[in-house]
PDB file of N, CA and C in Angstrom:
ATOM      1  N   MET A   1      14.580  60.658 261.263  1.00  0.00           N
ATOM      2  CA  MET A   1      14.834  59.433 260.442  1.00  0.00           C
ATOM      3  C   MET A   1      16.533  59.126 260.342  1.00  0.00           C
ATOM      4  N   TYR A   2      16.770  58.070 260.962  1.00  0.00           N
ATOM      5  CA  TYR A   2      18.266  57.528 260.937  1.00  0.00           C
ATOM      6  C   TYR A   2      18.562  56.664 259.255  1.00  0.00           C
ATOM      7  N   TYR A   3      19.432  56.785 258.862  1.00  0.00           N
ATOM      8  CA  TYR A   3      19.991  56.109 258.103  1.00  0.00           C
ATOM      9  C   TYR A   3      21.097  55.427 258.149  1.00  0.00           C
ATOM     10  N   LEU A   4      21.626  53.896 258.000  1.00  0.00           N
ATOM     11  CA  LEU A   4      22.448  52.839 258.283  1.00  0.00           C
ATOM     12  C   LEU A   4      23.129  52.326 257.399  1.00  0.00           C
ATOM     13  N   PRO A   5      24.542  53.187 257.076  1.00  0.00           N
ATOM     14  CA  PRO A   5      25.093  52.591 255.569  1.00  0.00           C
ATOM     15  C   PRO A   5      25.671  51.385 255.875  1.00  0.00           C
ATOM     16  N   ASP A   6      25.408  50.521 255.037  1.00  0.00           N
ATOM     17  CA  ASP A   6      26.292  49.164 255.191  1.00  0.00           C
ATOM     18  C   ASP A   6      27.940  49.488 254.494  1.00  0.00           C
ATOM     19  N   THR A   7      28.315  48.533 255.150  1.00  0.00           N
ATOM     20  CA  THR A   7      30.300  48.679 255.135  1.00  0.00           C
ATOM     21  C   THR A   7      30.554  49.114 254.067  1.00  0.00           C
ATOM     22  N   ASN A   8      29.799  48.814 252.884  1.00  0.00           N
ATOM     23  CA  ASN A   8      30.541  49.222 251.515  1.00  0.00           C
ATOM     24  C   ASN A   8      30.273  50.373 251.149  1.00  0.00           C
ATOM     25  N   VAL A   9      29.205  50.818 251.573  1.00  0.00           N
ATOM     26  CA  VAL A   9      28.720  52.140 251.873  1.00  0.00           C
ATOM     27  C   VAL A   9      30.427  53.061 252.466  1.00  0.00           C
ATOM     28  N   LEU A  10      30.300  52.767 253.784  1.00  0.00           N
ATOM     29  CA  LEU A  10      31.337  53.314 254.413  1.00  0.00           C
ATOM     30  C   LEU A  10      32.887  53.285 253.625  1.00  0.00           C
ATOM     31  N   ILE A  11      33.125  51.873 253.235  1.00  0.00           N
ATOM     32  CA  ILE A  11      34.688  52.189 252.653  1.00  0.00           C
ATOM     33  C   ILE A  11      34.458  52.897 251.531  1.00  0.00           C
ATOM     34  N   ASN A  12      33.412  53.385 250.725  1.00  0.00           N
ATOM     35  CA  ASN A  12      33.522  54.066 249.661  1.00  0.00           C
ATOM     36  C   ASN A  12      33.957  55.430 250.520  1.00  0.00           C
ATOM     37  N   TYR A  13      32.910  55.965 251.443  1.00  0.00           N
ATOM     38  CA  TYR A  13      33.424  56.950 252.317  1.00  0.00           C
ATOM     39  C   TYR A  13      34.812  57.167 252.514  1.00  0.00           C
ATOM     40  N   PHE A  14      35.303  56.416 253.185  1.00  0.00           N
ATOM     41  CA  PHE A  14      36.848  56.544 253.784  1.00  0.00           C
ATOM     42  C   PHE A  14      37.715  56.729 252.280  1.00  0.00           C
ATOM     43  N   ALA A  15      37.086  55.972 251.078  1.00  0.00           N
ATOM     44  CA  ALA A  15      38.112  56.461 249.847  1.00  0.00           C
ATOM     45  C   ALA A  15      37.699  57.438 249.329  1.00  0.00           C
ATOM     46  N   ALA A  16      36.607  58.609 249.691  1.00  0.00           N
ATOM     47  CA  ALA A  16      36.382  59.831 248.820  1.00  0.00           C
ATOM     48  C   ALA A  16      35.619  59.274 247.789  1.00  0.00           C
ATOM     49  N   GLN A  17      34.614  58.403 247.561  1.00  0.00           N
ATOM     50  CA  GLN A  17      34.204  57.777 246.467  1.00  0.00           C
ATOM     51  C   GLN A  17      32.690  58.451 246.647  1.00  0.00           C
ATOM     52  N   GLU A  18      32.286  59.103 245.256  1.00  0.00           N
ATOM     53  CA  GLU A  18      31.172  59.921 245.493  1.00  0.00           C
ATOM     54  C   GLU A  18      30.080  58.784 244.654  1.00  0.00           C
ATOM     55  N   PRO A  19      29.049  59.168 244.989  1.00  0.00           N
ATOM     56  CA  PRO A  19      28.338  59.853 245.798  1.00  0.00           C
ATOM     57  C   PRO A  19      28.234  59.531 247.497  1.00  0.00           C
ATOM     58  N   ASP A  20      28.840  58.346 247.637  1.00  0.00           N
ATOM     59  CA  ASP A  20      28.809  58.107 249.410  1.00  0.00           C
ATOM     60  C   ASP A  20      29.379  58.903 249.873  1.00  0.00           C
ATOM     61  N   ARG A  21      30.287  59.622 249.659  1.00  0.00           N
ATOM     62  CA  ARG A  21      31.213  60.297 250.782  1.00  0.00           C
ATOM     63  C   ARG A  21      30.067  61.858 251.141  1.00  0.00           C
ATOM     64  N   SER A  22      29.463  62.112 249.751  1.00  0.00           N
ATOM     65  CA  SER A  22      28.807  63.212 250.162  1.00  0.00           C
ATOM     66  C   SER A  22      27.628  63.237 250.686  1.00  0.00           C
ATOM     67  N   LEU A  23      26.911  61.751 250.738  1.00  0.00           N
ATOM     68  CA  LEU A  23      25.679  61.432 251.492  1.00  0.00           C
ATOM     69  C   LEU A  23      26.242  61.359 252.897  1.00  0.00           C
ATOM     70  N   ILE A  24      27.079  60.274 253.229  1.00  0.00           N
ATOM     71  CA  ILE A  24      27.741  60.346 254.629  1.00  0.00           C
ATOM     72  C   ILE A  24      27.501  61.725 255.535  1.00  0.00           C
ATOM     73  N   ILE A  25      28.714  62.289 254.731  1.00  0.00           N
ATOM     74  CA  ILE A  25      28.603  63.836 255.131  1.00  0.00           C
ATOM     75  C   ILE A  25      27.249  64.226 255.516  1.00  0.00           C
ATOM     76  N   SER A  26      26.527  64.839 254.217  1.00  0.00           N
ATOM     77  CA  SER A  26      25.412  64.987 254.593  1.00  0.00           C
ATOM     78  C   SER A  26      24.412  64.912 255.872  1.00  0.00           C
ATOM     79  N   LEU A  27      24.460  63.321 256.114  1.00  0.00           N
ATOM     80  CA  LEU A  27      23.621  62.610 257.229  1.00  0.00           C
ATOM     81  C   LEU A  27      24.483  63.233 258.073  1.00  0.00           C
ATOM     82  N   ILE A  28      25.867  63.339 258.740  1.00  0.00           N
ATOM     83  CA  ILE A  28      26.198  63.710 259.847  1.00  0.00           C
ATOM     84  C   ILE A  28      25.885  64.970 260.259  1.00  0.00           C
ATOM     85  N   THR A  29      25.969  65.992 258.889  1.00  0.00           N
ATOM     86  CA  THR A  29      25.001  67.074 259.630  1.00  0.00           C
ATOM     87  C   THR A  29      24.173  67.612 259.937  1.00  0.00           C
ATOM     88  N   GLU A  30      23.035  66.547 259.372  1.00  0.00           N
ATOM     89  CA  GLU A  30      21.556  66.482 259.644  1.00  0.00           C
ATOM     90  C   GLU A  30      21.423  65.751 260.444  1.00  0.00           C
ATOM     91  N   ASP A  31      22.527  65.293 261.807  1.00  0.00           N
ATOM     92  CA  ASP A  31      22.236  64.027 262.792  1.00  0.00           C
ATOM     93  C   ASP A  31      21.055  63.032 262.418  1.00  0.00           C
ATOM     94  N   GLN A  32      21.558  62.633 261.343  1.00  0.00           N
ATOM     95  CA  GLN A  32      20.750  61.087 260.900  1.00  0.00           C
ATOM     96  C   GLN A  32      21.469  60.237 260.114  1.00  0.00           C
ATOM     97  N   LEU A  33      22.775  59.971 260.773  1.00  0.00           N
ATOM     98  CA  LEU A  33      23.672  59.314 260.566  1.00  0.00           C
ATOM     99  C   LEU A  33      23.458  57.932 261.590  1.00  0.00           C
ATOM    100  N   ALA A  34      23.305  56.589 261.485  1.00  0.00           N
ATOM    101  CA  ALA A  34      23.249  55.637 262.468  1.00  0.00           C
ATOM    102  C   ALA A  34      24.366  54.275 261.868  1.00  0.00           C
ATOM    103  N   LEU A  35      24.573  54.263 262.856  1.00  0.00           N
ATOM    104  CA  LEU A  35      25.586  53.004 263.241  1.00  0.00           C
ATOM    105  C   LEU A  35      25.442  51.348 263.648  1.00  0.00           C
ATOM    106  N   SER A  36      25.747  50.432 263.086  1.00  0.00           N
ATOM    107  CA  SER A  36      26.138  49.241 263.706  1.00  0.00           C
ATOM    108  C   SER A  36      27.271  48.733 264.339  1.00  0.00           C
ATOM    109  N   PRO A  37      27.374  48.435 265.501  1.00  0.00           N
ATOM    110  CA  PRO A  37      28.476  47.588 266.006  1.00  0.00           C
ATOM    111  C   PRO A  37      28.734  46.397 264.873  1.00  0.00           C
ATOM    112  N   LEU A  38      28.176  45.858 264.183  1.00  0.00           N
ATOM    113  CA  LEU A  38      28.370  44.992 263.322  1.00  0.00           C
ATOM    114  C   LEU A  38      29.350  45.781 261.872  1.00  0.00           C
ATOM    115  N   THR A  39      28.585  46.871 261.574  1.00  0.00           N
ATOM    116  CA  THR A  39      29.653  47.701 260.670  1.00  0.00           C
ATOM    117  C   THR A  39      30.937  47.722 261.037  1.00  0.00           C
ATOM    118  N   ILE A  40      30.450  48.430 262.189  1.00  0.00           N
ATOM    119  CA  ILE A  40      31.814  48.872 262.700  1.00  0.00           C
ATOM    120  C   ILE A  40      33.313  47.599 262.823  1.00  0.00           C
ATOM    121  N   ALA A  41      32.596  46.813 263.217  1.00  0.00           N
ATOM    122  CA  ALA A  41      33.547  45.285 263.594  1.00  0.00           C
ATOM    123  C   ALA A  41      33.976  45.126 261.995  1.00  0.00           C
ATOM    124  N   GLU A  42      33.118  44.875 261.192  1.00  0.00           N
ATOM    125  CA  GLU A  42      33.437  44.835 259.808  1.00  0.00           C
ATOM    126  C   GLU A  42      34.647  45.767 259.302  1.00  0.00           C
ATOM    127  N   LEU A  43      34.379  47.050 259.448  1.00  0.00           N
ATOM    128  CA  LEU A  43      35.394  47.962 258.932  1.00  0.00           C
ATOM    129  C   LEU A  43      36.853  48.084 259.814  1.00  0.00           C
ATOM    130  N   ARG A  44      36.444  47.943 260.753  1.00  0.00           N
ATOM    131  CA  ARG A  44      37.806  48.381 261.624  1.00  0.00           C
ATOM    132  C   ARG A  44      39.232  47.429 261.437  1.00  0.00           C
ATOM    133  N   PRO A  45      39.541  46.093 260.681  1.00  0.00           N
ATOM    134  CA  PRO A  45      40.251  45.759 260.401  1.00  0.00           C
ATOM    135  C   PRO A  45      41.316  46.132 259.103  1.00  0.00           C
ATOM    136  N   LYS A  46      40.020  46.684 258.503  1.00  0.00           N
ATOM    137  CA  LYS A  46      40.641  47.175 257.022  1.00  0.00           C
ATOM    138  C   LYS A  46      41.013  48.630 256.839  1.00  0.00           C
ATOM    139  N   ASN A  47      41.307  49.413 258.308  1.00  0.00           N
ATOM    140  CA  ASN A  47      41.409  50.411 258.471  1.00  0.00           C
ATOM    141  C   ASN A  47      42.818  50.859 258.485  1.00  0.00           C
ATOM    142  N   SER A  48      43.276  51.650 257.967  1.00  0.00           N
ATOM    143  CA  SER A  48      44.425  52.130 258.155  1.00  0.00           C
ATOM    144  C   SER A  48      44.349  53.451 259.492  1.00  0.00           C
ATOM    145  N   ASP A  49      45.647  53.947 259.910  1.00  0.00           N
ATOM    146  CA  ASP A  49      45.607  54.418 260.809  1.00  0.00           C
ATOM    147  C   ASP A  49      44.662  56.000 260.766  1.00  0.00           C
ATOM    148  N   GLY A  50      44.959  56.703 259.295  1.00  0.00           N
ATOM    149  CA  GLY A  50      44.057  57.722 259.062  1.00  0.00           C
ATOM    150  C   GLY A  50      43.009  57.517 259.184  1.00  0.00           C
ATOM    151  N   GLU A  51      42.252  56.367 258.739  1.00  0.00           N
ATOM    152  CA  GLU A  51      41.058  55.975 258.421  1.00  0.00           C
ATOM    153  C   GLU A  51      40.095  55.408 260.108  1.00  0.00           C
ATOM    154  N   ILE A  52      41.178  55.310 260.640  1.00  0.00           N
ATOM    155  CA  ILE A  52      40.516  54.531 262.068  1.00  0.00           C
ATOM    156  C   ILE A  52      39.963  56.111 262.648  1.00  0.00           C
ATOM    157  N   LYS A  53      40.857  57.150 262.123  1.00  0.00           N
ATOM    158  CA  LYS A  53      40.606  58.631 263.235  1.00  0.00           C
ATOM    159  C   LYS A  53      38.887  58.624 262.435  1.00  0.00           C
ATOM    160  N   GLN A  54      39.045  58.865 261.651  1.00  0.00           N
ATOM    161  CA  GLN A  54      37.560  58.812 260.576  1.00  0.00           C
ATOM    162  C   GLN A  54      36.664  58.085 261.249  1.00  0.00           C
ATOM    163  N   LEU A  55      37.124  56.568 261.520  1.00  0.00           N
ATOM    164  CA  LEU A  55      35.650  55.930 262.026  1.00  0.00           C
ATOM    165  C   LEU A  55      35.938  56.319 263.413  1.00  0.00           C
ATOM    166  N   ASN A  56      36.634  56.750 264.295  1.00  0.00           N
ATOM    167  CA  ASN A  56      36.133  57.371 265.693  1.00  0.00           C
ATOM    168  C   ASN A  56      35.395  58.289 265.247  1.00  0.00           C
ATOM    169  N   GLU A  57      35.483  59.450 264.419  1.00  0.00           N
ATOM    170  CA  GLU A  57      34.875  60.461 264.214  1.00  0.00           C
ATOM    171  C   GLU A  57      33.668  60.220 264.018  1.00  0.00           C
ATOM    172  N   LEU A  58      33.219  59.056 262.909  1.00  0.00           N
ATOM    173  CA  LEU A  58      31.594  58.600 262.406  1.00  0.00           C
ATOM    174  C   LEU A  58      31.076  58.156 263.675  1.00  0.00           C
ATOM    175  N   ILE A  59      31.627  57.400 264.600  1.00  0.00           N
ATOM    176  CA  ILE A  59      31.192  56.769 265.890  1.00  0.00           C
ATOM    177  C   ILE A  59      30.681  58.053 266.640  1.00  0.00           C
ATOM    178  N   ALA A  60      31.394  59.033 267.046  1.00  0.00           N
ATOM    179  CA  ALA A  60      31.226  60.067 267.899  1.00  0.00           C
ATOM    180  C   ALA A  60      30.030  60.839 267.017  1.00  0.00           C
ATOM    181  N   ASN A  61      30.024  60.842 265.933  1.00  0.00           N
ATOM    182  CA  ASN A  61      28.556  61.802 265.308  1.00  0.00           C
ATOM    183  C   ASN A  61      27.530  60.610 264.717  1.00  0.00           C
ATOM    184  N   SER A  62      27.582  59.209 265.207  1.00  0.00           N
ATOM    185  CA  SER A  62      26.427  59.117 264.912  1.00  0.00           C
ATOM    186  C   SER A  62      25.462  58.176 266.077  1.00  0.00           C
ATOM    187  N   LYS A  63      24.352  57.926 265.686  1.00  0.00           N
ATOM    188  CA  LYS A  63      23.675  56.932 266.694  1.00  0.00           C
ATOM    189  C   LYS A  63      23.989  55.525 266.855  1.00  0.00           C
ATOM    190  N   ILE A  64      24.273  55.065 267.434  1.00  0.00           N
ATOM    191  CA  ILE A  64      24.927  53.710 267.521  1.00  0.00           C
ATOM    192  C   ILE A  64      23.555  52.668 268.221  1.00  0.00           C
ATOM    193  N   PHE A  65      23.018  51.775 267.357  1.00  0.00           N
ATOM    194  CA  PHE A  65      22.415  50.864 267.068  1.00  0.00           C
ATOM    195  C   PHE A  65      22.177  49.303 267.807  1.00  0.00           C
ATOM    196  N   ALA A  66      22.663  49.054 268.889  1.00  0.00           N
ATOM    197  CA  ALA A  66      22.853  47.843 269.180  1.00  0.00           C
ATOM    198  C   ALA A  66      22.144  46.432 268.524  1.00  0.00           C
ATOM    199  N   THR A  67      22.959  45.435 268.789  1.00  0.00           N
ATOM    200  CA  THR A  67      22.562  44.129 268.558  1.00  0.00           C
ATOM    201  C   THR A  67      21.893  43.570 269.896  1.00  0.00           C
ATOM    202  N   ASP A  68      20.381  43.088 269.627  1.00  0.00           N
ATOM    203  CA  ASP A  68      20.198  42.507 271.244  1.00  0.00           C
ATOM    204  C   ASP A  68      18.673  41.270 270.642  1.00  0.00           C
ATOM    205  N   VAL A  69      18.452  41.044 271.224  1.00  0.00           N
ATOM    206  CA  VAL A  69      17.542  39.882 271.306  1.00  0.00           C
ATOM    207  C   VAL A  69      16.580  40.258 270.198  1.00  0.00           C
ATOM    208  N   GLU A  70      16.136  41.197 270.518  1.00  0.00           N
ATOM    209  CA  GLU A  70      14.536  41.041 269.311  1.00  0.00           C
ATOM    210  C   GLU A  70      15.297  41.285 267.720  1.00  0.00           C
ATOM    211  N   ILE A  71      16.683  41.566 267.838  1.00  0.00           N
ATOM    212  CA  ILE A  71      17.367  42.039 266.272  1.00  0.00           C
ATOM    213  C   ILE A  71      17.612  40.741 265.940  1.00  0.00           C
ATOM    214  N   GLY A  72      18.073  39.747 266.942  1.00  0.00           N
ATOM    215  CA  GLY A  72      18.503  38.413 266.857  1.00  0.00           C
ATOM    216  C   GLY A  72      17.652  37.232 266.240  1.00  0.00           C
ATOM    217  N   LEU A  73      15.910  37.702 267.126  1.00  0.00           N
ATOM    218  CA  LEU A  73      15.064  36.699 266.147  1.00  0.00           C
ATOM    219  C   LEU A  73      14.900  37.502 265.063  1.00  0.00           C
ATOM    220  N   GLN A  74      14.723  38.608 264.793  1.00  0.00           N
ATOM    221  CA  GLN A  74      14.175  38.936 263.483  1.00  0.00           C
ATOM    222  C   GLN A  74      15.653  38.382 262.582  1.00  0.00           C
ATOM    223  N   ALA A  75      16.540  38.360 262.969  1.00  0.00           N
ATOM    224  CA  ALA A  75      17.630  38.331 261.718  1.00  0.00           C
ATOM    225  C   ALA A  75      17.349  36.728 261.515  1.00  0.00           C
ATOM    226  N   GLY A  76      17.194  35.906 262.678  1.00  0.00           N
ATOM    227  CA  GLY A  76      17.034  34.645 262.462  1.00  0.00           C
ATOM    228  C   GLY A  76      15.855  34.349 261.320  1.00  0.00           C
ATOM    229  N   LYS A  77      14.813  34.956 261.386  1.00  0.00           N
ATOM    230  CA  LYS A  77      13.607  34.824 260.520  1.00  0.00           C
ATOM    231  C   LYS A  77      13.648  35.390 259.222  1.00  0.00           C
ATOM    232  N   HIS A  78      15.004  36.173 259.196  1.00  0.00           N
ATOM    233  CA  HIS A  78      15.362  36.835 257.820  1.00  0.00           C
ATOM    234  C   HIS A  78      16.219  35.546 257.143  1.00  0.00           C
ATOM    235  N   ARG A  79      16.978  34.979 257.750  1.00  0.00           N
ATOM    236  CA  ARG A  79      17.855  33.515 257.536  1.00  0.00           C
ATOM    237  C   ARG A  79      17.379  32.926 256.897  1.00  0.00           C
ATOM    238  N   GLN A  80      16.288  32.458 257.840  1.00  0.00           N
ATOM    239  CA  GLN A  80      15.167  30.906 257.367  1.00  0.00           C
ATOM    240  C   GLN A  80      14.683  31.235 256.343  1.00  0.00           C
ATOM    241  N   GLU A  81      13.788  32.812 256.002  1.00  0.00           N
ATOM    242  CA  GLU A  81      13.380  32.584 255.080  1.00  0.00           C
ATOM    243  C   GLU A  81      13.943  32.477 253.540  1.00  0.00           C
ATOM    244  N   PHE A  82      15.316  33.232 253.728  1.00  0.00           N
ATOM    245  CA  PHE A  82      16.313  32.852 252.255  1.00  0.00           C
ATOM    246  C   PHE A  82      17.186  31.469 252.021  1.00  0.00           C
ATOM    247  N   SER A  83      17.003  30.932 253.693  1.00  0.00           N
ATOM    248  CA  SER A  83      17.728  29.599 253.531  1.00  0.00           C
ATOM    249  C   SER A  83      17.858  28.796 252.182  1.00  0.00           C
ATOM    250  N   ASN A  84      16.535  28.735 252.153  1.00  0.00           N
ATOM    251  CA  ASN A  84      16.398  27.861 250.365  1.00  0.00           C
ATOM    252  C   ASN A  84      16.483  28.595 249.683  1.00  0.00           C
ATOM    253  N   LYS A  85      16.823  29.604 249.303  1.00  0.00           N
ATOM    254  CA  LYS A  85      16.442  30.747 248.181  1.00  0.00           C
ATOM    255  C   LYS A  85      18.066  30.147 247.226  1.00  0.00           C
ATOM    256  N   ILE A  86      18.000  30.531 245.896  1.00  0.00           N
ATOM    257  CA  ILE A  86      19.115  30.578 245.240  1.00  0.00           C
ATOM    258  C   ILE A  86      20.008  31.353 245.679  1.00  0.00           C
ATOM    259  N   LYS A  87      19.837  32.569 246.702  1.00  0.00           N
ATOM    260  CA  LYS A  87      20.782  33.560 246.653  1.00  0.00           C
ATOM    261  C   LYS A  87      20.534  33.618 248.150  1.00  0.00           C
ATOM    262  N   LYS A  88      21.647  32.420 248.875  1.00  0.00           N
ATOM    263  CA  LYS A  88      21.792  33.046 250.319  1.00  0.00           C
ATOM    264  C   LYS A  88      22.581  33.916 250.879  1.00  0.00           C
ATOM    265  N   VAL A  89      21.728  34.649 252.198  1.00  0.00           N
ATOM    266  CA  VAL A  89      22.143  35.323 252.621  1.00  0.00           C
ATOM    267  C   VAL A  89      22.797  35.773 253.746  1.00  0.00           C
ATOM    268  N   TYR A  90      23.999  36.386 253.956  1.00  0.00           N
ATOM    269  CA  TYR A  90      24.700  36.115 254.946  1.00  0.00           C
ATOM    270  C   TYR A  90      24.125  36.371 256.402  1.00  0.00           C
ATOM    271  N   LEU A  91      24.752  35.837 257.256  1.00  0.00           N
ATOM    272  CA  LEU A  91      24.307  36.572 259.265  1.00  0.00           C
ATOM    273  C   LEU A  91      24.273  37.644 259.221  1.00  0.00           C
ATOM    274  N   ILE A  92      25.801  38.068 259.320  1.00  0.00           N
ATOM    275  CA  ILE A  92      25.774  39.848 259.111  1.00  0.00           C
ATOM    276  C   ILE A  92      25.152  40.689 258.472  1.00  0.00           C
ATOM    277  N   ASP A  93      24.605  40.303 257.424  1.00  0.00           N
ATOM    278  CA  ASP A  93      23.900  41.204 256.504  1.00  0.00           C
ATOM    279  C   ASP A  93      22.455  41.035 257.276  1.00  0.00           C
ATOM    280  N   CYS A  94      21.808  39.538 257.652  1.00  0.00           N
ATOM    281  CA  CYS A  94      20.646  39.339 258.326  1.00  0.00           C
ATOM    282  C   CYS A  94      20.362  40.501 259.436  1.00  0.00           C
ATOM    283  N   LEU A  95      21.652  40.474 260.280  1.00  0.00           N
ATOM    284  CA  LEU A  95      21.540  41.325 261.518  1.00  0.00           C
ATOM    285  C   LEU A  95      21.536  42.816 261.327  1.00  0.00           C
ATOM    286  N   ILE A  96      22.167  43.278 260.373  1.00  0.00           N
ATOM    287  CA  ILE A  96      22.175  44.522 259.410  1.00  0.00           C
ATOM    288  C   ILE A  96      20.571  44.692 259.413  1.00  0.00           C
ATOM    289  N   ALA A  97      20.041  44.311 258.612  1.00  0.00           N
ATOM    290  CA  ALA A  97      18.782  43.953 257.940  1.00  0.00           C
ATOM    291  C   ALA A  97      17.574  44.190 259.338  1.00  0.00           C
ATOM    292  N   ALA A  98      17.816  43.124 260.341  1.00  0.00           N
ATOM    293  CA  ALA A  98      16.882  43.419 261.384  1.00  0.00           C
ATOM    294  C   ALA A  98      17.305  44.342 262.115  1.00  0.00           C
ATOM    295  N   THR A  99      18.279  45.324 262.178  1.00  0.00           N
ATOM    296  CA  THR A  99      18.575  46.384 262.912  1.00  0.00           C
ATOM    297  C   THR A  99      17.783  47.218 262.518  1.00  0.00           C
ATOM    298  N   CYS A 100      17.922  47.504 261.191  1.00  0.00           N
ATOM    299  CA  CYS A 100      17.076  48.391 260.375  1.00  0.00           C
ATOM    300  C   CYS A 100      15.489  48.283 260.553  1.00  0.00           C
ATOM    301  N   LYS A 101      15.103  46.876 260.466  1.00  0.00           N
ATOM    302  CA  LYS A 101      13.465  46.436 260.532  1.00  0.00           C
ATOM    303  C   LYS A 101      12.889  47.084 262.055  1.00  0.00           C
ATOM    304  N   VAL A 102      13.669  46.562 263.289  1.00  0.00           N
ATOM    305  CA  VAL A 102      13.430  46.942 264.214  1.00  0.00           C
ATOM    306  C   VAL A 102      13.203  48.119 265.096  1.00  0.00           C
ATOM    307  N   ASN A 103      14.776  48.805 264.360  1.00  0.00           N
ATOM    308  CA  ASN A 103      14.635  50.165 264.726  1.00  0.00           C
ATOM    309  C   ASN A 103      13.945  51.196 263.611  1.00  0.00           C
ATOM    310  N   GLY A 104      13.371  50.762 262.456  1.00  0.00           N
ATOM    311  CA  GLY A 104      12.952  51.823 261.979  1.00  0.00           C
ATOM    312  C   GLY A 104      14.138  52.794 261.085  1.00  0.00           C
ATOM    313  N   LEU A 105      14.745  52.121 260.586  1.00  0.00           N
ATOM    314  CA  LEU A 105      16.070  52.658 260.000  1.00  0.00           C
ATOM    315  C   LEU A 105      15.973  52.230 258.585  1.00  0.00           C
ATOM    316  N   THR A 106      16.530  53.324 257.555  1.00  0.00           N
ATOM    317  CA  THR A 106      16.713  52.921 256.039  1.00  0.00           C
ATOM    318  C   THR A 106      18.159  52.577 256.061  1.00  0.00           C
ATOM    319  N   LEU A 107      18.069  51.553 255.140  1.00  0.00           N
ATOM    320  CA  LEU A 107      19.290  50.592 254.866  1.00  0.00           C
ATOM    321  C   LEU A 107      20.124  51.516 253.969  1.00  0.00           C
ATOM    322  N   ILE A 108      21.125  51.652 253.954  1.00  0.00           N
ATOM    323  CA  ILE A 108      21.957  52.238 252.721  1.00  0.00           C
ATOM    324  C   ILE A 108      23.194  51.388 252.300  1.00  0.00           C
ATOM    325  N   THR A 109      22.995  50.988 251.177  1.00  0.00           N
ATOM    326  CA  THR A 109      23.789  49.924 250.194  1.00  0.00           C
ATOM    327  C   THR A 109      24.107  49.934 248.693  1.00  0.00           C
ATOM    328  N   ASN A 110      25.287  49.796 248.658  1.00  0.00           N
ATOM    329  CA  ASN A 110      25.380  49.473 246.752  1.00  0.00           C
ATOM    330  C   ASN A 110      24.975  47.978 246.540  1.00  0.00           C
ATOM    331  N   ASN A 111      24.902  47.698 247.254  1.00  0.00           N
ATOM    332  CA  ASN A 111      24.809  45.863 246.946  1.00  0.00           C
ATOM    333  C   ASN A 111      23.098  45.137 247.326  1.00  0.00           C
ATOM    334  N   LEU A 112      22.479  45.834 246.814  1.00  0.00           N
ATOM    335  CA  LEU A 112      20.978  45.326 246.451  1.00  0.00           C
ATOM    336  C   LEU A 112      20.910  43.853 246.486  1.00  0.00           C
ATOM    337  N   LYS A 113      21.698  43.063 246.031  1.00  0.00           N
ATOM    338  CA  LYS A 113      21.525  41.614 246.362  1.00  0.00           C
ATOM    339  C   LYS A 113      21.984  41.205 247.359  1.00  0.00           C
ATOM    340  N   ASP A 114      22.216  41.561 248.433  1.00  0.00           N
ATOM    341  CA  ASP A 114      22.883  41.174 249.824  1.00  0.00           C
ATOM    342  C   ASP A 114      21.412  41.522 250.467  1.00  0.00           C
ATOM    343  N   TYR A 115      20.508  42.113 250.135  1.00  0.00           N
ATOM    344  CA  TYR A 115      19.297  42.347 251.013  1.00  0.00           C
ATOM    345  C   TYR A 115      18.023  42.209 250.086  1.00  0.00           C
ATOM    346  N   PRO A 116      17.641  40.725 249.963  1.00  0.00           N
ATOM    347  CA  PRO A 116      16.555  40.995 249.156  1.00  0.00           C
ATOM    348  C   PRO A 116      15.183  40.817 249.857  1.00  0.00           C
ATOM    349  N   MET A 117      15.720  41.364 251.547  1.00  0.00           N
ATOM    350  CA  MET A 117      14.426  41.355 252.511  1.00  0.00           C
ATOM    351  C   MET A 117      13.424  42.464 251.852  1.00  0.00           C
ATOM    352  N   LYS A 118      11.870  41.937 251.714  1.00  0.00           N
ATOM    353  CA  LYS A 118      10.832  42.928 252.008  1.00  0.00           C
ATOM    354  C   LYS A 118      10.210  43.901 252.813  1.00  0.00           C
ATOM    355  N   ASP A 119      10.775  43.702 253.713  1.00  0.00           N
ATOM    356  CA  ASP A 119      10.258  44.467 254.745  1.00  0.00           C
ATOM    357  C   ASP A 119      11.182  45.291 255.417  1.00  0.00           C
ATOM    358  N   ILE A 120      12.082  46.102 255.224  1.00  0.00           N
ATOM    359  CA  ILE A 120      13.155  46.980 255.024  1.00  0.00           C
ATOM    360  C   ILE A 120      13.239  48.131 253.927  1.00  0.00           C
ATOM    361  N   LYS A 121      13.461  49.198 254.346  1.00  0.00           N
ATOM    362  CA  LYS A 121      13.445  50.268 253.186  1.00  0.00           C
ATOM    363  C   LYS A 121      14.963  50.473 253.135  1.00  0.00           C
ATOM    364  N   ILE A 122      15.497  50.817 251.694  1.00  0.00           N
ATOM    365  CA  ILE A 122      16.845  50.618 251.266  1.00  0.00           C
ATOM    366  C   ILE A 122      16.902  51.843 250.573  1.00  0.00           C
ATOM    367  N   LEU A 123      17.995  52.273 250.610  1.00  0.00           N
ATOM    368  CA  LEU A 123      18.384  53.412 249.896  1.00  0.00           C
ATOM    369  C   LEU A 123      19.588  53.088 249.009  1.00  0.00           C
ATOM    370  N   LYS A 124      19.985  53.327 247.304  1.00  0.00           N
ATOM    371  CA  LYS A 124      21.134  52.814 246.951  1.00  0.00           C
ATOM    372  C   LYS A 124      22.261  54.237 246.543  1.00  0.00           C
ATOM    373  N   PRO A 125      22.900  54.638 246.857  1.00  0.00           N
ATOM    374  CA  PRO A 125      23.069  56.039 246.509  1.00  0.00           C
ATOM    375  C   PRO A 125      24.140  55.959 245.148  1.00  0.00           C
ATOM    376  N   SER A 126      24.368  55.420 244.870  1.00  0.00           N
ATOM    377  CA  SER A 126      24.639  55.482 243.448  1.00  0.00           C
ATOM    378  C   SER A 126      24.216  54.346 242.522  1.00  0.00           C
TER     379      SER A 126
END
């Protein structure tokens, strides 16, 4: 089983905030950490030089799940489902959720409101 952390969890990891940091370290140790290129792209502009080194280590110790046509179609379904709701969802969150659904991953996030999808597994670390 792989776990895909949302950007907010990785930001907390870089800031050494618990329980996010310990959870990511545990997933690396257990070879269960997954990353999306989308999350990497969100993180990269916010990284200091030291964090870039940490990010590269995370990438080296993770299974990367690429975005493909199936994920794009699933993200479009999520976006359509929530387009007329009170809480609209962002495209990047739909793509991350779709990555989890298509690949059977568990999403780790501190922002449950960003992921109202009922068809994915979600873990909130804190």
